[in-house]
Amino acid sequence: MTRNCLRRAELAAFLRSRRERLRPAEVGLPDGVRRRTPGLRRQEVAQLAGMSVDYYIRLEQGRGPHPSRQVLSSLARALLLTRDEREYLFRVAGESPPPAAGPSREVPAGLRHLMDAMTETPAYLVDASYQILAWNRLATYFVGDLAAVPAADRNMVRWMFRMSDDAHWADPEVVHFARTTIADLRAAYGRYPRDRGLAELVTELLGTSPRFARLWAEHDVAERRLIVKRVPHPDLGLLEFECRVLHVPETDQRLIVYVPEPGSPTAATFRRLAERVTS
């Protein structure tokens, strides 16, 4: 068999398996009473994808013309494919997957449970544009009570460059943190060229923050890594901890965790805070 036939055969098998796993109710169709095969019928997939039944049947039989990117996108929507499945569909059809429309803002339940279980560790979840999506109770001592902040204004990058205190920006650690954040933001900017919210954030900051504009003009591109932070907290005193950035591959999000050295004064402070919020 030629390489092309192998690709067609795999495409056909993949489409068939995804069709057979779907229940009609999942795509808004009636279940009906007489179904000889599991899942959707071929004509139902064709209808949902906006193509002829004959064309779809030929795809499942491993023959017919090479499907266009538009056809593949329609099939991905009709079959309710996940991001990973959509990428696989495009690659097995010999196409490059389209870029994701924008950063995912859906918070997995498991991450919420994980943050809540970290009772002595401040933690919060951000998307690729640094929009804060979820946080635990200790994190409020550092990012504030975000429940009282409109969701659209929970962006770390916007907060960072609103600060105009020259003494604050004279700290090399602050500048390093800002530079690495902007490099990570630029990486996201490249991954999501069609995301309007990300484009508007960059445009806004270019027009309102000369500091942001200077850092943006450096064109650094890099995902965030570990950084040690020393924070003079107004209520808690000087705190020192590792700012761990844990990447969540399936959603392209970052779980930011403040990890103090075990037995350190900062660890003791976090423990006292945990006792305070649970009492």
Protein backbone atom coordinates (compact mmCIF):
# COMPACT_ATOMS: atom_id res chain seq x y z
CA MET A 1 0.00 0.00 0.00
CA THR A 2 1.19 3.50 -0.73
CA ARG A 3 1.70 6.13 1.94
CA ASN A 4 -1.37 7.99 0.63
CA CYS A 5 -3.56 4.88 0.96
CA LEU A 6 -2.40 4.37 4.51
CA ARG A 7 -3.42 7.92 5.36
CA ARG A 8 -6.82 7.49 3.73
CA ALA A 9 -7.41 4.23 5.56
CA GLU A 10 -6.55 5.79 8.91
CA LEU A 11 -8.71 8.83 8.18
CA ALA A 12 -11.61 6.56 7.30
CA ALA A 13 -11.22 4.47 10.45
CA PHE A 14 -10.91 7.55 12.64
CA LEU A 15 -14.05 9.17 11.22
CA ARG A 16 -15.98 5.94 11.62
CA SER A 17 -14.88 5.49 15.25
CA ARG A 18 -15.78 9.09 16.17
CA ARG A 19 -19.17 8.80 14.46
CA GLU A 20 -20.02 5.56 16.24
CA ARG A 21 -19.23 6.92 19.70
CA LEU A 22 -21.69 9.84 19.48
CA ARG A 23 -25.28 9.63 20.67
CA PRO A 24 -27.84 11.57 18.61
CA ALA A 25 -28.92 13.58 21.67
CA GLU A 26 -25.37 14.93 22.02
CA VAL A 27 -25.69 16.75 18.70
CA GLY A 28 -29.34 17.75 19.08
CA LEU A 29 -30.90 14.91 17.10
CA PRO A 30 -33.71 12.57 18.24
CA ASP A 31 -32.61 9.09 19.30
CA GLY A 32 -35.18 7.32 17.17
CA VAL A 33 -36.32 3.78 17.80
CA ARG A 34 -34.65 1.71 15.07
CA ARG A 35 -30.86 2.07 14.87
CA ARG A 36 -28.94 -0.88 13.53
CA THR A 37 -25.51 0.62 14.32
CA PRO A 38 -24.21 2.51 17.36
CA GLY A 39 -23.82 6.24 17.22
CA LEU A 40 -24.82 8.53 14.37
CA ARG A 41 -25.77 7.54 10.86
CA ARG A 42 -23.55 8.65 7.99
CA GLN A 43 -26.26 10.89 6.59
CA GLU A 44 -26.58 12.60 9.99
CA VAL A 45 -22.87 13.42 10.08
CA ALA A 46 -23.08 14.72 6.52
CA GLN A 47 -26.05 16.90 7.44
CA LEU A 48 -24.29 18.30 10.52
CA ALA A 49 -21.12 19.01 8.52
CA GLY A 50 -22.98 20.59 5.58
CA MET A 51 -21.78 18.16 2.89
CA SER A 52 -23.33 15.55 0.63
CA VAL A 53 -23.95 12.08 2.01
CA ASP A 54 -22.11 10.54 -0.95
CA TYR A 55 -19.00 12.60 -0.25
CA TYR A 56 -18.93 11.63 3.42
CA ILE A 57 -19.48 7.93 2.61
CA ARG A 58 -16.49 8.03 0.27
CA LEU A 59 -14.34 9.53 3.05
CA GLU A 60 -15.31 6.68 5.40
CA GLN A 61 -14.53 4.20 2.66
CA GLY A 62 -11.05 5.62 2.13
CA ARG A 63 -11.65 6.98 -1.35
CA GLY A 64 -12.73 10.19 -3.02
CA PRO A 65 -10.90 13.56 -3.24
CA HIS A 66 -8.55 14.90 -0.62
CA PRO A 67 -10.68 16.75 1.98
CA SER A 68 -10.09 20.49 2.16
CA ARG A 69 -9.31 22.35 5.39
CA GLN A 70 -12.87 23.69 5.36
CA VAL A 71 -14.27 20.15 5.14
CA LEU A 72 -12.02 18.98 7.98
CA SER A 73 -13.11 21.89 10.18
CA SER A 74 -16.76 21.08 9.47
CA LEU A 75 -16.23 17.43 10.36
CA ALA A 76 -14.44 18.37 13.59
CA ARG A 77 -17.43 20.50 14.63
CA ALA A 78 -20.00 17.90 13.59
CA LEU A 79 -18.24 15.09 15.48
CA LEU A 80 -17.60 17.23 18.57
CA LEU A 81 -13.87 16.52 18.43
CA THR A 82 -11.62 17.63 21.25
CA ARG A 83 -8.63 19.85 20.50
CA ASP A 84 -6.30 16.82 20.39
CA GLU A 85 -8.70 14.90 18.14
CA ARG A 86 -9.08 17.86 15.78
CA GLU A 87 -5.31 18.16 15.50
CA TYR A 88 -5.05 14.45 14.75
CA LEU A 89 -7.79 14.67 12.11
CA PHE A 90 -5.90 17.40 10.25
CA ARG A 91 -2.55 15.66 10.47
CA VAL A 92 -3.84 12.28 9.31
CA ALA A 93 -5.42 14.11 6.34
CA GLY A 94 -2.04 15.64 5.49
CA GLU A 95 -2.86 19.17 6.70
CA SER A 96 -1.43 21.42 9.39
CA PRO A 97 -3.94 21.90 12.23
CA PRO A 98 -5.47 25.40 12.41
CA PRO A 99 -4.37 27.49 15.39
CA ALA A 100 -6.65 27.52 18.39
CA ALA A 101 -9.02 30.48 18.38
CA GLY A 102 -7.87 31.76 21.75
CA PRO A 103 -6.63 30.86 25.23
CA SER A 104 -8.82 28.39 27.08
CA ARG A 105 -10.67 29.91 30.05
CA GLU A 106 -12.39 26.70 31.13
CA VAL A 107 -11.13 25.68 34.57
CA PRO A 108 -10.79 21.88 34.95
CA ALA A 109 -12.51 20.64 38.10
CA GLY A 110 -9.38 18.74 39.11
CA LEU A 111 -7.35 21.95 39.21
CA ARG A 112 -9.94 23.62 41.43
CA HIS A 113 -9.75 20.69 43.84
CA LEU A 114 -5.94 20.77 43.76
CA MET A 115 -5.79 24.48 44.62
CA ASP A 116 -8.31 24.09 47.44
CA ALA A 117 -6.26 21.21 48.87
CA MET A 118 -3.13 23.41 48.98
CA THR A 119 -4.16 24.99 52.27
CA GLU A 120 -0.70 26.35 53.18
CA THR A 121 0.36 27.40 49.68
CA PRO A 122 -0.96 30.39 47.72
CA ALA A 123 -1.96 29.26 44.23
CA TYR A 124 -3.91 30.67 41.33
CA LEU A 125 -4.63 29.68 37.75
CA VAL A 126 -4.13 31.95 34.73
CA ASP A 127 -4.74 31.49 31.04
CA ALA A 128 -2.10 32.18 28.39
CA SER A 129 -2.95 35.90 28.43
CA TYR A 130 -2.48 36.03 32.24
CA GLN A 131 -6.16 36.39 32.98
CA ILE A 132 -6.70 34.98 36.49
CA LEU A 133 -9.32 32.24 36.27
CA ALA A 134 -9.32 30.67 39.74
CA TRP A 135 -7.49 31.00 43.05
CA ASN A 136 -7.35 29.52 46.53
CA ARG A 137 -7.89 31.32 49.83
CA LEU A 138 -4.23 32.05 50.59
CA ALA A 139 -3.78 33.62 47.17
CA THR A 140 -6.14 36.45 48.14
CA TYR A 141 -3.34 37.87 50.34
CA PHE A 142 -1.35 38.49 47.16
CA VAL A 143 -3.88 39.03 44.35
CA GLY A 144 -6.71 40.46 46.47
CA ASP A 145 -10.34 39.43 46.73
CA LEU A 146 -10.96 38.81 43.06
CA ALA A 147 -14.58 37.89 43.68
CA ALA A 148 -15.18 41.64 44.01
CA VAL A 149 -13.29 42.44 40.77
CA PRO A 150 -15.03 42.27 37.36
CA ALA A 151 -13.81 39.21 35.46
CA ALA A 152 -12.58 41.36 32.58
CA ASP A 153 -10.22 43.24 34.91
CA ARG A 154 -8.48 40.22 36.45
CA ASN A 155 -5.42 40.44 34.24
CA MET A 156 -1.97 40.27 35.83
CA VAL A 157 -0.17 42.00 32.96
CA ARG A 158 -2.55 44.94 33.03
CA TRP A 159 -2.10 45.26 36.82
CA MET A 160 1.67 45.08 36.52
CA PHE A 161 1.98 47.95 34.06
CA ARG A 162 -0.55 50.17 35.78
CA MET A 163 2.01 50.63 38.56
CA SER A 164 3.86 53.89 37.91
CA ASP A 165 6.00 54.03 41.07
CA ASP A 166 9.60 54.55 39.88
CA ALA A 167 10.99 53.05 43.09
CA HIS A 168 9.04 49.85 42.39
CA TRP A 169 10.46 49.61 38.87
CA ALA A 170 13.99 50.32 40.11
CA ASP A 171 14.06 46.83 41.64
CA PRO A 172 15.95 44.47 39.24
CA GLU A 173 13.78 41.53 40.33
CA VAL A 174 10.63 43.43 39.36
CA VAL A 175 12.07 44.23 35.94
CA HIS A 176 13.19 40.62 35.44
CA PHE A 177 9.74 39.32 36.39
CA ALA A 178 8.09 41.80 34.00
CA ARG A 179 10.45 40.90 31.17
CA THR A 180 9.85 37.15 31.52
CA THR A 181 6.10 37.73 31.71
CA ILE A 182 6.12 39.78 28.51
CA ALA A 183 8.22 37.15 26.74
CA ASP A 184 5.65 34.52 27.71
CA LEU A 185 2.80 36.81 26.64
CA ARG A 186 4.43 37.27 23.23
CA ALA A 187 4.65 33.49 22.84
CA ALA A 188 0.89 33.31 23.47
CA TYR A 189 0.36 36.21 21.04
CA GLY A 190 1.98 34.08 18.36
CA ARG A 191 -0.01 30.95 19.23
CA TYR A 192 -3.38 32.74 19.11
CA PRO A 193 -3.19 35.22 16.21
CA ARG A 194 -6.99 35.33 15.92
CA ASP A 195 -7.79 36.02 19.57
CA ARG A 196 -9.38 39.46 19.81
CA GLY A 197 -9.01 39.79 23.59
CA LEU A 198 -5.27 39.13 23.50
CA ALA A 199 -4.77 41.57 20.62
CA GLU A 200 -6.78 44.25 22.42
CA LEU A 201 -4.75 43.78 25.61
CA VAL A 202 -1.46 44.27 23.76
CA THR A 203 -2.80 47.27 21.83
CA GLU A 204 -4.11 48.86 25.04
CA LEU A 205 -0.81 48.49 26.89
CA LEU A 206 1.24 49.71 23.95
CA GLY A 207 -0.80 52.91 24.07
CA THR A 208 -0.89 53.39 27.85
CA SER A 209 2.41 52.05 29.19
CA PRO A 210 5.78 53.19 27.81
CA ARG A 211 7.44 50.48 29.95
CA PHE A 212 5.35 47.78 28.34
CA ALA A 213 6.07 49.23 24.89
CA ARG A 214 9.83 49.13 25.52
CA LEU A 215 9.77 45.52 26.70
CA TRP A 216 7.43 44.46 23.91
CA ALA A 217 9.79 46.01 21.36
CA GLU A 218 12.57 43.67 22.52
CA HIS A 219 10.69 40.78 20.87
CA ASP A 220 11.75 38.26 23.51
CA VAL A 221 9.81 35.00 23.25
CA ALA A 222 10.00 32.42 26.04
CA GLU A 223 7.64 30.46 28.24
CA ARG A 224 7.77 31.30 31.94
CA ARG A 225 10.14 29.36 34.16
CA LEU A 226 10.95 29.27 37.86
CA ILE A 227 11.74 32.58 39.57
CA VAL A 228 12.58 33.35 43.21
CA LYS A 229 10.58 36.28 44.55
CA ARG A 230 11.25 38.49 47.56
CA VAL A 231 8.09 40.40 48.36
CA PRO A 232 7.86 43.14 51.02
CA HIS A 233 4.23 42.49 51.92
CA PRO A 234 2.52 45.46 53.66
CA ASP A 235 0.92 43.22 56.32
CA LEU A 236 3.13 40.13 56.43
CA GLY A 237 6.62 41.60 56.15
CA LEU A 238 9.35 40.33 53.84
CA LEU A 239 8.46 37.05 52.17
CA GLU A 240 10.72 34.87 50.05
CA PHE A 241 9.51 31.94 47.96
CA GLU A 242 9.87 30.17 44.65
CA CYS A 243 7.25 31.30 42.17
CA ARG A 244 6.58 28.01 40.43
CA VAL A 245 4.79 28.15 37.09
CA LEU A 246 3.27 24.76 36.28
CA HIS A 247 2.05 24.44 32.71
CA VAL A 248 -1.24 22.66 32.04
CA PRO A 249 -0.80 21.23 28.52
CA GLU A 250 -4.42 20.34 27.76
CA THR A 251 -5.66 23.91 28.35
CA ASP A 252 -2.44 25.92 27.82
CA GLN A 253 -2.93 27.44 31.27
CA ARG A 254 -0.47 28.09 34.09
CA LEU A 255 -0.88 27.14 37.72
CA ILE A 256 1.18 29.68 39.68
CA VAL A 257 2.25 28.44 43.09
CA TYR A 258 4.22 30.26 45.81
CA VAL A 259 6.53 27.65 47.38
CA PRO A 260 8.57 28.69 50.45
CA GLU A 261 11.62 26.83 51.74
CA PRO A 262 10.45 24.25 54.33
CA GLY A 263 11.04 25.54 57.86
CA SER A 264 11.63 29.11 56.66
CA PRO A 265 9.98 32.20 58.17
CA THR A 266 7.86 32.49 55.02
CA ALA A 267 6.63 28.91 55.43
CA ALA A 268 5.68 29.74 59.04
CA THR A 269 3.83 32.84 57.85
CA PHE A 270 1.88 30.84 55.27
CA ARG A 271 0.99 28.30 57.96
CA ARG A 272 -0.34 31.03 60.25
CA LEU A 273 -2.39 32.44 57.39
CA ALA A 274 -3.84 29.00 56.70
CA GLU A 275 -4.89 28.68 60.35
CA ARG A 276 -6.45 32.14 60.19
CA VAL A 277 -8.56 31.50 57.08
CA THR A 278 -9.80 28.10 58.33
CA SER A 279 -10.64 29.19 61.89
